[in-house]
Amino acid sequence: MSVQITYTGHPFVDVGFATIAAFTGRRRFADLDESDLQQIADYIEANYVRQPLRRFLTMAFTSNAWFAQSAFDPNRFDQPDKKAEAQQKRKYWADRHLRQWMQSASVMETCLFTGLPAAAQALSGKLQPGRVGRAQVPLLQGDDSINFFINGDPGLPMVPEAILAVQAMPLGCAKVGGGLLAVHSDDEQLTINFAKRFLERNLKDIAKAQAANEEKLPGSPRSLKTLLIETLAEIIRRQMQEEVRRERRPTVTAYSFNNGQSPSLEIYHLPLQITSFLLAVHTPAYRAIWNELVDRSWQRPATSGKRGKAAGSSEPRINYLYEDLFTLPAQAARFVRIYFLRIPELRQSDDDPRRDYSPRREADLVSWPLVELFVQEVLLMTDDRVAKLKELGDKLADYTRNQGGKRFFRQFFTVQRSDHFLTLLNKTNIDYTRYRRGAETLFDLDSFLALFMEGEEVLRNDWRLMRDLVLIRMIEQLRDWIADNADAIPSEEEVAEG
């Protein structure tokens, strides 16, 4: 019999059902049936009471969880009757958490998450039947607390299937640092794909730890943000290979939480324009250049000792490009300058590859098509404005090649003061008009105002970003000229970020 569950919009519930779907090989929540619920319930009952999960999962359900209660552990007792009693209590509470969906019972309350009838049996000695507290759903309050609950009644009513889903949810999370990472999307399939990848790693690590009698479950070698983007990129590549058609562009929200002794929650959101950009850069037109930028953004192995030998061969923890995607669109100017124009950040630590970025050595990585995609998807720049940037870049490239030469190119690249920039533009406009013998100007008034001005009198705050975008187009058009005039590009020290 199928399970009457749809996408709820609550991250813990949805990630829980996504984990069950991944565990049982289902593609949609609607495909789940009672045999799938039984399968995950059996796994939970058999493994949550064992290490490493018994210890690990207290960060999700506290030490008051049914599987963590020492009073229910038969291995603590030597007397057969005590063992049997503890085993019976553990089974009793396991069924309350994992198998109430098998029972038919009339209840008065409705689940807040699904709108279905809530569970009929109590999940705690202090809560009303069918209500969940902090030992069942992370980050709720304790069973005795009346604050923030309707009518001061502790706990929230929940349907049995959702109770089971939240119990399964940590299996579909990544262990990162001192917490769990649950990834939720407005796209059900994407939520399932994230849960599937985290589940696959967790099941391998659990089996390995149990075989070695280890009590600790290893965490991800990646930082949280890097892991999130890296996993999303893997999902996108897989969907590209399988030619999966996406009906709409998704948003992604990640929840890093700990429900242990020091509860915490941090939320990381990838808005629509960022996920749209990531979907686009994995298409054939951009894939090669994007992958090259990603490859050159991984944290370098740490060195130790006087001879600078590598301290170890462990995987890099951070990809700086991935990390900085979370600063967009607010810090788009910095992102463009560092990753697309290859301007180094000399003050970064030795293991940061951005210290060694170089527009002179890495001019081949400067790509106008990729930047054009970026400003359209991430900055939501209009086609008309992009066309004006492109046209200005083409004209300045022509002027550089035939008139201004290396001196102008270096000036345009390095100018930092707004008054100097406006003076340079005005002078170059006059020189370009002479060079073209009056046939055309570098830009008309409308183009100048659209690109660089707020109104008619105030220079835009982001004029350096506009300059850098034009410069990227110029480099794209001047590749052969730059190859013969490599010193036209300023040195790293001249253009480095502080």
Protein backbone atom coordinates (compact mmCIF):
# COMPACT_ATOMS: atom_id res chain seq x y z
CA MET A 1 0.00 0.00 0.00
CA SER A 2 1.34 3.43 -0.95
CA VAL A 3 2.08 6.08 1.66
CA GLN A 4 0.00 9.27 1.50
CA ILE A 5 2.90 11.67 1.82
CA THR A 6 3.69 14.69 -0.34
CA TYR A 7 6.46 17.26 -0.20
CA THR A 8 5.87 19.23 3.01
CA GLY A 9 8.32 22.11 2.71
CA HIS A 10 9.80 21.38 6.15
CA PRO A 11 13.50 20.53 5.77
CA PHE A 12 13.76 17.84 8.45
CA VAL A 13 10.62 16.03 7.31
CA ASP A 14 11.40 16.28 3.60
CA VAL A 15 15.05 15.24 4.02
CA GLY A 16 13.78 12.32 6.10
CA PHE A 17 11.45 11.09 3.38
CA ALA A 18 14.18 11.75 0.81
CA THR A 19 16.48 9.51 2.86
CA ILE A 20 13.87 6.74 2.90
CA ALA A 21 13.42 7.10 -0.86
CA ALA A 22 17.19 6.91 -1.39
CA PHE A 23 17.52 3.96 1.00
CA THR A 24 14.82 1.97 -0.83
CA GLY A 25 15.69 3.08 -4.38
CA ARG A 26 12.56 5.16 -4.95
CA ARG A 27 12.61 8.22 -7.20
CA ARG A 28 9.70 10.11 -5.64
CA PHE A 29 7.93 10.40 -2.32
CA ALA A 30 4.77 9.23 -4.07
CA ASP A 31 6.49 5.91 -4.91
CA LEU A 32 7.03 4.99 -1.24
CA ASP A 33 4.94 2.16 0.16
CA GLU A 34 4.63 0.37 3.48
CA SER A 35 7.35 -2.15 2.61
CA ASP A 36 9.77 0.77 2.25
CA LEU A 37 8.82 2.10 5.66
CA GLN A 38 9.32 -1.36 7.13
CA GLN A 39 12.73 -1.64 5.51
CA ILE A 40 14.05 1.63 6.95
CA ALA A 41 12.43 0.94 10.34
CA ASP A 42 14.22 -2.42 10.55
CA TYR A 43 17.57 -0.81 9.70
CA ILE A 44 17.10 1.93 12.29
CA GLU A 45 16.05 -0.49 15.03
CA ALA A 46 19.03 -2.75 14.36
CA ASN A 47 21.70 -0.08 13.97
CA TYR A 48 20.80 3.01 16.00
CA VAL A 49 21.31 1.02 19.20
CA ARG A 50 24.87 0.09 18.09
CA GLN A 51 28.00 2.13 17.76
CA PRO A 52 28.90 4.31 16.01
CA LEU A 53 25.31 5.52 15.45
CA ARG A 54 24.22 5.33 19.08
CA ARG A 55 26.80 7.92 20.04
CA PHE A 56 26.76 9.87 16.81
CA LEU A 57 23.00 10.43 16.66
CA THR A 58 22.76 12.09 20.06
CA MET A 59 23.70 15.27 18.16
CA ALA A 60 20.39 14.88 16.32
CA PHE A 61 18.07 13.51 19.03
CA THR A 62 19.89 14.17 22.34
CA SER A 63 20.93 11.54 24.87
CA ASN A 64 17.24 11.13 25.76
CA ALA A 65 16.50 9.43 22.46
CA TRP A 66 14.94 5.97 22.74
CA PHE A 67 18.05 4.24 21.32
CA ALA A 68 20.49 6.13 23.58
CA GLN A 69 18.80 5.53 26.94
CA SER A 70 21.14 3.50 29.10
CA ALA A 71 18.17 2.11 31.02
CA PHE A 72 17.04 0.36 27.83
CA ASP A 73 20.43 -1.18 27.09
CA PRO A 74 20.33 -4.93 27.84
CA ASN A 75 24.13 -5.13 27.67
CA ARG A 76 24.33 -3.20 30.96
CA PHE A 77 22.82 -6.08 32.90
CA ASP A 78 24.07 -9.52 33.83
CA GLN A 79 20.82 -10.97 35.16
CA PRO A 80 18.67 -12.55 32.42
CA ASP A 81 15.45 -11.01 33.76
CA LYS A 82 16.99 -7.52 33.76
CA LYS A 83 18.28 -8.05 30.25
CA ALA A 84 14.87 -9.17 29.06
CA GLU A 85 13.15 -6.24 30.74
CA ALA A 86 15.55 -3.71 29.17
CA GLN A 87 15.15 -5.34 25.77
CA GLN A 88 11.37 -5.20 26.12
CA LYS A 89 11.43 -1.50 27.00
CA ARG A 90 13.73 -0.72 24.08
CA LYS A 91 11.43 -2.61 21.70
CA TYR A 92 8.40 -0.80 23.14
CA TRP A 93 9.83 2.65 22.47
CA ALA A 94 11.33 1.63 19.12
CA ASP A 95 7.88 0.61 17.89
CA ARG A 96 6.40 3.87 19.16
CA HIS A 97 8.91 5.83 17.09
CA LEU A 98 9.25 3.58 14.05
CA ARG A 99 6.06 1.60 13.51
CA GLN A 100 2.98 3.52 14.62
CA TRP A 101 2.08 3.84 10.93
CA MET A 102 1.21 0.12 11.00
CA GLN A 103 -1.62 0.73 13.46
CA SER A 104 -5.02 2.24 12.78
CA ALA A 105 -6.28 4.51 15.53
CA SER A 106 -8.66 7.44 15.75
CA VAL A 107 -7.05 10.62 17.04
CA MET A 108 -8.21 14.14 17.68
CA GLU A 109 -5.12 16.03 16.51
CA THR A 110 -3.77 16.79 13.04
CA CYS A 111 -0.11 16.67 12.04
CA LEU A 112 1.26 20.20 11.63
CA PHE A 113 3.55 19.11 8.80
CA THR A 114 1.28 17.00 6.57
CA GLY A 115 -2.30 17.73 7.59
CA LEU A 116 -2.87 14.02 8.23
CA PRO A 117 -4.07 12.50 11.52
CA ALA A 118 -1.35 12.57 14.16
CA ALA A 119 0.04 9.46 15.86
CA ALA A 120 -2.13 7.88 18.54
CA GLN A 121 0.49 6.69 21.02
CA ALA A 122 2.81 8.65 23.29
CA LEU A 123 6.46 9.08 22.37
CA SER A 124 7.47 10.24 25.83
CA GLY A 125 6.26 9.81 29.35
CA LYS A 126 5.67 13.57 29.56
CA LEU A 127 4.10 14.41 26.18
CA GLN A 128 0.54 13.93 25.03
CA PRO A 129 -0.02 10.99 22.62
CA GLY A 130 1.23 11.71 19.12
CA ARG A 131 3.26 14.74 20.12
CA VAL A 132 6.99 15.09 19.45
CA GLY A 133 9.62 16.95 21.43
CA ARG A 134 13.35 17.53 21.21
CA ALA A 135 14.18 13.82 21.43
CA GLN A 136 12.13 13.21 18.26
CA VAL A 137 12.62 16.38 16.19
CA PRO A 138 15.87 18.36 16.41
CA LEU A 139 15.82 21.85 17.91
CA LEU A 140 12.38 21.65 19.50
CA GLN A 141 12.16 22.38 23.20
CA GLY A 142 12.18 19.83 26.00
CA ASP A 143 9.13 17.82 27.01
CA ASP A 144 8.44 20.06 30.05
CA SER A 145 8.59 23.40 28.25
CA ILE A 146 5.31 25.21 27.56
CA ASN A 147 6.72 28.30 25.86
CA PHE A 148 6.09 28.78 22.13
CA PHE A 149 3.56 25.92 21.95
CA ILE A 150 -0.15 26.38 21.23
CA ASN A 151 -2.16 26.83 24.42
CA GLY A 152 0.98 26.03 26.40
CA ASP A 153 0.73 22.32 25.53
CA PRO A 154 4.27 20.94 25.06
CA GLY A 155 5.21 19.18 21.84
CA LEU A 156 3.89 19.18 18.28
CA PRO A 157 1.42 16.65 16.82
CA MET A 158 2.98 14.57 14.03
CA VAL A 159 1.81 11.78 11.74
CA PRO A 160 3.56 8.39 12.32
CA GLU A 161 5.14 8.34 8.83
CA ALA A 162 6.73 11.73 9.46
CA ILE A 163 8.00 10.59 12.87
CA LEU A 164 9.76 7.71 11.12
CA ALA A 165 11.07 10.05 8.42
CA VAL A 166 12.69 12.38 10.96
CA GLN A 167 14.24 9.36 12.67
CA ALA A 168 15.78 8.42 9.30
CA MET A 169 16.77 11.99 8.42
CA PRO A 170 20.31 11.98 9.93
CA LEU A 171 21.28 9.10 7.63
CA GLY A 172 20.70 11.46 4.71
CA CYS A 173 22.79 14.24 6.24
CA ALA A 174 26.50 14.85 6.07
CA LYS A 175 28.58 15.01 9.22
CA VAL A 176 30.54 18.25 8.98
CA GLY A 177 32.53 19.56 11.89
CA GLY A 178 30.47 19.29 15.06
CA GLY A 179 27.09 19.04 13.41
CA LEU A 180 24.90 17.59 10.70
CA LEU A 181 24.23 19.12 7.29
CA ALA A 182 20.73 18.67 5.87
CA VAL A 183 20.18 19.99 2.35
CA HIS A 184 16.68 20.98 1.25
CA SER A 185 15.41 22.30 -2.06
CA ASP A 186 12.11 23.38 -3.54
CA ASP A 187 12.82 20.59 -6.05
CA GLU A 188 11.91 17.21 -4.54
CA GLN A 189 14.28 15.28 -6.82
CA LEU A 190 17.23 17.46 -5.88
CA THR A 191 16.52 16.92 -2.17
CA ILE A 192 16.47 13.15 -2.80
CA ASN A 193 19.74 13.34 -4.75
CA PHE A 194 21.51 15.15 -1.91
CA ALA A 195 20.17 12.67 0.64
CA LYS A 196 21.25 9.78 -1.59
CA ARG A 197 24.86 10.92 -1.81
CA PHE A 198 25.16 11.58 1.90
CA LEU A 199 23.41 8.28 2.68
CA GLU A 200 25.76 6.27 0.48
CA ARG A 201 28.81 7.65 2.27
CA ASN A 202 27.23 7.21 5.69
CA LEU A 203 26.29 3.57 5.07
CA LYS A 204 29.84 2.78 3.98
CA ASP A 205 31.33 4.55 6.99
CA ILE A 206 28.87 2.85 9.36
CA ALA A 207 29.66 -0.61 8.01
CA LYS A 208 33.39 0.09 8.17
CA ALA A 209 33.19 1.38 11.75
CA GLN A 210 31.08 -1.55 12.91
CA ALA A 211 33.48 -4.04 11.33
CA ALA A 212 36.39 -2.39 13.14
CA ASN A 213 34.44 -1.99 16.44
CA GLU A 214 34.97 1.76 16.29
CA GLU A 215 32.71 4.11 18.22
CA LYS A 216 33.23 7.24 16.16
CA LEU A 217 31.78 7.99 12.74
CA PRO A 218 34.21 9.96 10.54
CA GLY A 219 33.13 13.34 9.25
CA SER A 220 33.46 14.84 5.80
CA PRO A 221 36.98 15.95 4.81
CA ARG A 222 35.43 19.02 3.17
CA SER A 223 34.28 22.25 4.75
CA LEU A 224 30.52 22.78 4.81
CA LYS A 225 30.23 25.23 1.91
CA THR A 226 32.71 23.33 -0.25
CA LEU A 227 30.89 20.06 0.38
CA LEU A 228 27.55 21.63 -0.50
CA ILE A 229 28.69 23.04 -3.84
CA GLU A 230 30.82 20.01 -4.70
CA THR A 231 27.86 17.68 -4.10
CA LEU A 232 25.53 19.93 -6.11
CA ALA A 233 28.05 19.93 -8.97
CA GLU A 234 28.22 16.12 -8.89
CA ILE A 235 24.42 15.93 -9.04
CA ILE A 236 24.30 18.36 -11.97
CA ARG A 237 26.97 16.42 -13.90
CA ARG A 238 25.10 13.18 -13.33
CA GLN A 239 21.85 14.69 -14.55
CA MET A 240 23.63 16.05 -17.62
CA GLN A 241 24.93 12.58 -18.42
CA GLU A 242 21.48 11.07 -17.98
CA GLU A 243 19.93 13.93 -19.99
CA VAL A 244 17.51 14.72 -17.18
CA ARG A 245 15.27 17.63 -18.10
CA ARG A 246 14.59 20.11 -15.34
CA GLU A 247 11.21 21.82 -15.45
CA ARG A 248 12.36 24.81 -13.41
CA ARG A 249 15.45 26.15 -11.73
CA PRO A 250 15.72 25.21 -8.06
CA THR A 251 16.82 26.99 -4.93
CA VAL A 252 18.91 25.21 -2.31
CA THR A 253 19.01 25.79 1.44
CA ALA A 254 21.38 23.95 3.77
CA TYR A 255 20.83 23.56 7.50
CA SER A 256 23.84 22.91 9.71
CA PHE A 257 22.52 21.89 13.12
CA ASN A 258 23.42 20.25 16.39
CA ASN A 259 20.76 19.14 18.86
CA GLY A 260 23.19 18.01 21.56
CA GLN A 261 24.31 19.79 24.70
CA SER A 262 24.93 23.04 22.82
CA PRO A 263 22.10 23.32 20.27
CA SER A 264 22.90 25.35 17.18
CA LEU A 265 21.54 26.10 13.73
CA GLU A 266 23.16 27.86 10.80
CA ILE A 267 21.34 28.33 7.50
CA TYR A 268 23.07 28.67 4.12
CA HIS A 269 20.99 29.68 1.13
CA LEU A 270 21.81 29.42 -2.56
CA PRO A 271 19.32 31.71 -4.31
CA LEU A 272 17.82 31.06 -7.70
CA GLN A 273 20.38 33.08 -9.66
CA ILE A 274 23.32 31.13 -8.17
CA THR A 275 21.83 27.69 -8.85
CA SER A 276 20.91 28.86 -12.36
CA PHE A 277 24.51 29.90 -12.95
CA LEU A 278 25.82 26.56 -11.65
CA LEU A 279 23.44 24.66 -13.90
CA ALA A 280 24.64 26.68 -16.90
CA VAL A 281 28.40 26.38 -16.27
CA HIS A 282 28.15 22.60 -16.46
CA THR A 283 26.83 22.69 -20.02
CA PRO A 284 29.34 21.97 -22.83
CA ALA A 285 29.81 25.64 -23.72
CA TYR A 286 31.31 26.55 -20.32
CA ARG A 287 32.29 23.25 -18.69
CA ALA A 288 35.99 23.18 -19.61
CA ILE A 289 36.88 26.71 -18.50
CA TRP A 290 34.75 26.45 -15.35
CA ASN A 291 36.38 23.17 -14.32
CA GLU A 292 39.81 24.74 -14.82
CA LEU A 293 38.90 27.64 -12.52
CA VAL A 294 37.58 25.19 -9.92
CA ASP A 295 40.71 23.03 -10.12
CA ARG A 296 42.91 26.05 -9.44
CA SER A 297 40.89 27.04 -6.37
CA TRP A 298 41.54 24.03 -4.13
CA GLN A 299 43.39 24.51 -0.88
CA ARG A 300 47.04 23.49 -1.25
CA PRO A 301 48.68 20.89 1.00
CA ALA A 302 50.15 22.41 4.14
CA THR A 303 53.92 22.44 4.45
CA SER A 304 55.98 21.84 7.55
CA GLY A 305 59.61 21.85 8.43
CA LYS A 306 62.46 23.96 7.15
CA ARG A 307 62.54 22.24 3.79
CA GLY A 308 58.84 22.89 3.20
CA LYS A 309 57.86 19.27 2.76
CA ALA A 310 54.15 18.49 2.58
CA ALA A 311 52.71 17.67 5.97
CA GLY A 312 50.49 14.95 4.56
CA SER A 313 48.56 13.75 1.55
CA SER A 314 45.08 14.36 2.96
CA GLU A 315 42.32 15.69 0.74
CA PRO A 316 41.98 19.47 0.53
CA ARG A 317 39.32 20.82 2.86
CA ILE A 318 38.38 24.01 1.03
CA ASN A 319 37.69 25.11 -2.51
CA TYR A 320 37.84 28.88 -2.32
CA LEU A 321 35.79 29.49 -5.45
CA TYR A 322 33.02 27.27 -4.05
CA GLU A 323 33.19 29.08 -0.71
CA ASP A 324 32.95 32.51 -2.33
CA LEU A 325 29.82 31.59 -4.27
CA PHE A 326 28.04 32.21 -0.96
CA THR A 327 29.16 35.84 -1.02
CA LEU A 328 27.20 36.49 -4.22
CA PRO A 329 25.73 38.69 -5.46
CA ALA A 330 26.81 41.14 -2.73
CA GLN A 331 30.54 40.69 -3.42
CA ALA A 332 30.32 40.17 -7.17
CA ALA A 333 33.03 42.78 -7.88
CA ARG A 334 35.57 40.90 -5.76
CA PHE A 335 34.51 37.54 -7.23
CA VAL A 336 34.95 38.78 -10.81
CA ARG A 337 38.31 40.36 -10.07
CA ILE A 338 39.81 37.33 -8.34
CA TYR A 339 38.42 34.35 -10.23
CA PHE A 340 37.67 35.73 -13.69
CA LEU A 341 40.40 38.37 -13.99
CA ARG A 342 42.90 36.31 -11.93
CA ILE A 343 43.99 39.13 -9.61
CA PRO A 344 46.00 37.63 -6.70
CA GLU A 345 45.34 38.12 -2.98
CA LEU A 346 48.87 38.29 -1.63
CA ARG A 347 47.88 38.47 2.04
CA GLN A 348 46.21 35.08 2.09
CA SER A 349 47.79 32.10 3.86
CA ASP A 350 50.39 29.89 2.19
CA ASP A 351 47.88 27.12 1.48
CA ASP A 352 45.57 29.50 -0.39
CA PRO A 353 46.11 29.23 -4.17
CA ARG A 354 44.75 32.74 -4.71
CA ARG A 355 48.11 34.09 -3.55
CA ASP A 356 49.58 32.94 -6.85
CA TYR A 357 46.86 33.99 -9.28
CA SER A 358 48.32 36.01 -12.12
CA PRO A 359 46.56 37.84 -14.96
CA ARG A 360 49.85 37.75 -16.86
CA ARG A 361 50.50 34.00 -16.54
CA GLU A 362 46.84 32.97 -16.61
CA ALA A 363 45.47 35.22 -19.33
CA ASP A 364 44.21 32.10 -21.09
CA LEU A 365 41.71 31.60 -18.22
CA VAL A 366 40.09 35.00 -18.77
CA SER A 367 36.85 34.17 -20.59
CA TRP A 368 34.30 36.71 -21.76
CA PRO A 369 31.58 34.10 -22.52
CA LEU A 370 31.76 32.83 -18.93
CA VAL A 371 31.69 36.36 -17.52
CA GLU A 372 28.80 37.28 -19.81
CA LEU A 373 26.86 34.31 -18.40
CA PHE A 374 27.78 35.38 -14.87
CA VAL A 375 26.51 38.95 -15.18
CA GLN A 376 23.29 37.79 -16.81
CA GLU A 377 22.49 34.98 -14.36
CA VAL A 378 23.96 36.25 -11.09
CA LEU A 379 23.78 40.04 -11.47
CA LEU A 380 20.62 39.91 -13.60
CA MET A 381 22.16 42.43 -15.99
CA THR A 382 19.98 43.29 -18.97
CA ASP A 383 20.94 42.19 -22.47
CA ASP A 384 21.17 45.83 -23.54
CA ARG A 385 23.69 46.68 -20.84
CA VAL A 386 25.74 43.58 -21.56
CA ALA A 387 25.80 44.54 -25.24
CA LYS A 388 27.09 48.01 -24.32
CA LEU A 389 29.89 46.48 -22.20
CA LYS A 390 30.83 44.17 -25.04
CA GLU A 391 30.82 46.96 -27.62
CA LEU A 392 33.00 49.20 -25.44
CA GLY A 393 35.41 46.34 -24.84
CA ASP A 394 35.67 45.65 -28.57
CA LYS A 395 36.33 49.31 -29.37
CA LEU A 396 38.97 49.65 -26.66
CA ALA A 397 40.63 46.45 -27.85
CA ASP A 398 40.80 47.86 -31.36
CA TYR A 399 42.15 51.15 -29.98
CA THR A 400 44.77 49.31 -27.91
CA ARG A 401 45.92 47.21 -30.85
CA ASN A 402 46.22 50.07 -33.33
CA GLN A 403 46.67 53.26 -31.31
CA GLY A 404 46.95 53.23 -27.51
CA GLY A 405 49.30 50.29 -27.18
CA LYS A 406 50.74 48.92 -23.97
CA ARG A 407 50.72 52.26 -22.16
CA PHE A 408 46.97 52.71 -22.47
CA PHE A 409 46.26 49.06 -21.67
CA ARG A 410 48.27 49.23 -18.45
CA GLN A 411 46.65 52.53 -17.47
CA PHE A 412 43.17 51.16 -17.99
CA PHE A 413 44.07 47.98 -16.07
CA THR A 414 45.54 49.71 -13.02
CA VAL A 415 43.60 52.95 -12.56
CA GLN A 416 42.03 53.06 -9.09
CA ARG A 417 40.93 56.65 -8.52
CA SER A 418 37.55 57.64 -9.90
CA ASP A 419 38.73 61.07 -11.12
CA HIS A 420 41.66 59.49 -12.94
CA PHE A 421 39.34 56.93 -14.48
CA LEU A 422 36.94 59.58 -15.81
CA THR A 423 39.86 61.61 -17.18
CA LEU A 424 41.24 58.52 -18.92
CA LEU A 425 37.86 57.70 -20.46
CA ASN A 426 37.34 61.23 -21.75
CA LYS A 427 40.83 61.47 -23.21
CA THR A 428 40.54 58.03 -24.82
CA ASN A 429 37.16 58.95 -26.31
CA ILE A 430 38.74 61.96 -28.01
CA ASP A 431 41.72 59.92 -29.24
CA TYR A 432 39.46 57.11 -30.47
CA THR A 433 37.31 59.57 -32.42
CA ARG A 434 40.44 60.96 -34.09
CA TYR A 435 41.70 57.43 -34.78
CA ARG A 436 38.37 56.64 -36.45
CA ARG A 437 38.50 59.97 -38.31
CA GLY A 438 35.21 61.04 -36.89
CA ALA A 439 33.36 57.97 -38.14
CA GLU A 440 32.36 56.96 -34.59
CA THR A 441 33.00 57.72 -30.94
CA LEU A 442 34.06 55.33 -28.19
CA PHE A 443 30.65 55.65 -26.60
CA ASP A 444 27.64 57.93 -26.79
CA LEU A 445 26.10 59.70 -23.82
CA ASP A 446 23.47 57.01 -23.21
CA SER A 447 26.04 54.23 -23.13
CA PHE A 448 28.34 56.19 -20.81
CA LEU A 449 25.50 56.92 -18.39
CA ALA A 450 24.21 53.35 -18.49
CA LEU A 451 27.62 51.81 -17.75
CA PHE A 452 29.32 54.18 -15.34
CA MET A 453 26.96 56.78 -13.91
CA GLU A 454 24.17 57.04 -11.34
CA GLY A 455 21.98 59.64 -12.99
CA GLU A 456 23.95 62.25 -14.88
CA GLU A 457 26.44 63.54 -12.29
CA VAL A 458 27.49 60.76 -9.89
CA LEU A 459 29.87 57.94 -10.78
CA ARG A 460 28.53 54.49 -9.91
CA ASN A 461 29.91 52.86 -6.75
CA ASP A 462 30.66 49.75 -8.78
CA TRP A 463 32.56 51.53 -11.56
CA ARG A 464 35.57 49.29 -10.95
CA LEU A 465 33.41 46.24 -11.60
CA MET A 466 32.25 47.77 -14.91
CA ARG A 467 35.87 48.55 -15.77
CA ASP A 468 36.91 44.98 -15.00
CA LEU A 469 34.12 43.55 -17.15
CA VAL A 470 35.19 45.73 -20.08
CA LEU A 471 38.79 44.72 -19.45
CA ILE A 472 37.88 41.02 -19.59
CA ARG A 473 36.27 41.57 -22.99
CA MET A 474 39.40 43.43 -24.13
CA ILE A 475 41.67 40.55 -23.08
CA GLU A 476 39.41 38.11 -24.92
CA GLN A 477 39.81 40.17 -28.11
CA LEU A 478 43.54 40.80 -27.69
CA ARG A 479 44.85 37.28 -27.07
CA ASP A 480 47.21 37.30 -30.04
CA TRP A 481 48.40 40.85 -29.24
CA ILE A 482 48.97 39.94 -25.58
CA ALA A 483 50.96 36.89 -26.63
CA ASP A 484 53.41 39.27 -28.36
CA ASN A 485 53.20 41.93 -25.62
CA ALA A 486 53.05 39.96 -22.39
CA ASP A 487 54.46 42.85 -20.38
CA ALA A 488 51.39 44.91 -21.26
CA ILE A 489 49.60 43.12 -18.44
CA PRO A 490 50.74 44.59 -15.11
CA SER A 491 52.70 42.49 -12.63
CA GLU A 492 50.97 40.76 -9.74
CA GLU A 493 52.28 43.36 -7.28
CA GLU A 494 50.78 46.20 -9.30
CA VAL A 495 47.25 44.83 -9.30
CA ALA A 496 47.09 42.55 -6.24
CA GLU A 497 44.25 42.79 -3.78
CA GLY A 498 45.27 43.94 -0.30
